[in-house]
Protein backbone atom coordinates (compact mmCIF):
# COMPACT_ATOMS: atom_id res chain seq x y z
CA MET A 1 63.42 51.55 -125.32
CA ARG A 2 64.20 48.07 -123.86
CA SER A 3 67.15 47.53 -121.64
CA ASN A 4 67.67 44.09 -123.23
CA LEU A 5 65.82 41.43 -125.26
CA ALA A 6 65.02 39.46 -122.14
CA THR A 7 62.32 41.93 -121.31
CA PHE A 8 60.22 40.46 -124.17
CA LEU A 9 59.61 37.48 -121.83
CA ASP A 10 57.77 39.83 -119.48
CA ASP A 11 55.56 40.79 -122.40
CA PHE A 12 55.03 37.19 -123.33
CA ARG A 13 53.81 36.42 -119.81
CA ARG A 14 51.43 39.43 -119.83
CA HIS A 15 49.83 38.04 -122.99
CA GLY A 16 49.39 34.76 -121.24
CA GLU A 17 47.15 32.18 -122.84
CA THR A 18 46.58 34.09 -126.13
CA ALA A 19 47.90 32.48 -129.29
CA ALA A 20 51.40 33.38 -130.17
CA ILE A 21 52.33 30.96 -132.94
CA VAL A 22 50.38 28.69 -135.15
CA VAL A 23 52.36 25.89 -136.89
CA LEU A 24 50.89 23.61 -139.54
CA ARG A 25 52.32 20.12 -139.45
CA GLY A 26 50.66 17.96 -142.08
CA ASN A 27 46.94 18.32 -141.43
CA ARG A 28 47.43 19.43 -137.84
CA ARG A 29 47.30 22.96 -136.60
CA LEU A 30 49.39 23.38 -133.44
CA VAL A 31 48.82 26.59 -131.41
CA SER A 32 51.35 27.75 -128.88
CA THR A 33 50.56 30.45 -126.41
CA TRP A 34 52.76 33.28 -125.12
CA ASN A 35 53.05 31.53 -121.73
CA GLN A 36 54.17 28.28 -123.45
CA ILE A 37 56.84 30.12 -125.19
CA ALA A 38 58.06 31.80 -122.06
CA ASP A 39 58.06 28.43 -120.35
CA LEU A 40 60.16 26.93 -123.14
CA ALA A 41 62.64 29.82 -122.81
CA ASP A 42 62.79 29.22 -119.02
CA ARG A 43 63.41 25.53 -119.53
CA PHE A 44 66.04 26.08 -122.14
CA ALA A 45 67.82 28.68 -120.01
CA ALA A 46 67.83 26.08 -117.15
CA GLU A 47 69.31 23.48 -119.52
CA LEU A 48 72.10 25.88 -120.57
CA LEU A 49 72.81 26.43 -116.86
CA ARG A 50 72.92 22.71 -116.25
CA ARG A 51 75.45 22.29 -119.09
CA GLU A 52 77.48 25.19 -117.75
CA ILE A 53 76.90 27.25 -120.92
CA SER A 54 77.04 30.80 -119.80
CA MET A 55 77.31 34.46 -120.83
CA GLY A 56 79.29 34.99 -123.96
CA ASP A 57 79.29 31.41 -124.95
CA ARG A 58 77.73 30.61 -128.37
CA VAL A 59 74.81 28.23 -129.25
CA VAL A 60 73.93 27.58 -132.87
CA LEU A 61 70.21 27.32 -133.64
CA TRP A 62 69.51 25.39 -136.85
CA GLY A 63 65.84 24.74 -137.23
CA GLN A 64 62.52 25.79 -138.49
CA ASN A 65 60.81 28.78 -137.10
CA GLY A 66 58.33 27.88 -134.39
CA PRO A 67 57.82 27.77 -130.63
CA GLU A 68 60.79 25.55 -129.97
CA TRP A 69 63.08 27.87 -131.91
CA MET A 70 61.67 30.89 -130.02
CA GLY A 71 62.07 29.21 -126.76
CA ALA A 72 65.69 28.29 -127.40
CA PHE A 73 66.50 31.79 -128.67
CA PHE A 74 65.01 33.49 -125.69
CA GLY A 75 66.52 30.94 -123.32
CA CYS A 76 69.83 32.01 -124.71
CA VAL A 77 68.93 35.67 -124.24
CA GLN A 78 68.09 35.01 -120.59
CA ARG A 79 71.44 33.49 -119.93
CA GLY A 80 73.40 36.07 -121.91
CA VAL A 81 74.42 33.35 -124.29
CA ILE A 82 75.06 34.39 -127.91
CA ALA A 83 72.53 32.73 -130.16
CA VAL A 84 73.82 32.02 -133.70
CA PRO A 85 70.76 31.34 -135.90
CA LEU A 86 71.20 29.53 -139.11
CA ASP A 87 68.63 29.42 -141.99
CA PRO A 88 67.24 25.97 -142.18
CA ALA A 89 67.15 26.30 -145.98
CA GLY A 90 70.84 27.24 -146.02
CA ALA A 91 73.64 25.08 -147.40
CA LEU A 92 75.31 22.46 -145.26
CA ASP A 93 78.90 23.73 -146.20
CA PHE A 94 77.76 27.22 -144.95
CA ALA A 95 76.46 25.82 -141.65
CA ASN A 96 79.79 23.94 -141.20
CA ARG A 97 81.76 27.16 -141.76
CA VAL A 98 79.66 29.08 -139.34
CA ILE A 99 80.18 26.32 -136.77
CA GLU A 100 83.86 26.18 -137.35
CA ASN A 101 84.25 29.96 -137.05
CA THR A 102 81.96 30.56 -134.05
CA ARG A 103 83.05 27.48 -132.05
CA PRO A 104 79.78 27.07 -130.26
CA ARG A 105 79.36 25.16 -126.98
CA LEU A 106 76.19 23.62 -128.26
CA VAL A 107 74.46 23.05 -131.68
CA ILE A 108 70.73 22.47 -131.56
CA GLY A 109 68.04 22.19 -134.21
CA ASP A 110 65.83 20.03 -136.25
CA ALA A 111 66.92 16.30 -136.21
CA THR A 112 66.94 16.15 -140.06
CA LEU A 113 69.26 19.11 -140.32
CA LEU A 114 71.58 17.87 -137.57
CA ARG A 115 71.89 14.49 -139.23
CA GLU A 116 73.40 16.30 -142.20
CA LEU A 117 76.14 17.78 -139.90
CA ALA A 118 76.99 14.44 -138.28
CA PRO A 119 75.49 11.58 -140.38
CA ASP A 120 77.16 8.98 -138.29
CA LEU A 121 75.44 9.87 -135.01
């Protein structure tokens, strides 16, 4: 049994340069390795630290599944930050209610979805 979810990052690093996620964008096939996902998680954790977002704070993740989402999720896990994932196909009013109820320190996600939350930005 794992002591916490952050131990998955050790596994990611052990798998190294093998393919972790394949994303199709248009006619392009983008392959991300386990090391790349671990690196994304480390970089996101460092960004959370820079923004003084710490253990117990909440971060909403509203985006498509992919390496960036995984990096953000595991970056939160590294810092003890509570990741609040939202379904990218979910309704805008539901996303607004979740944000209102969880009072996150940060909301991140796909630019298209985030524009729906704050169309004037």
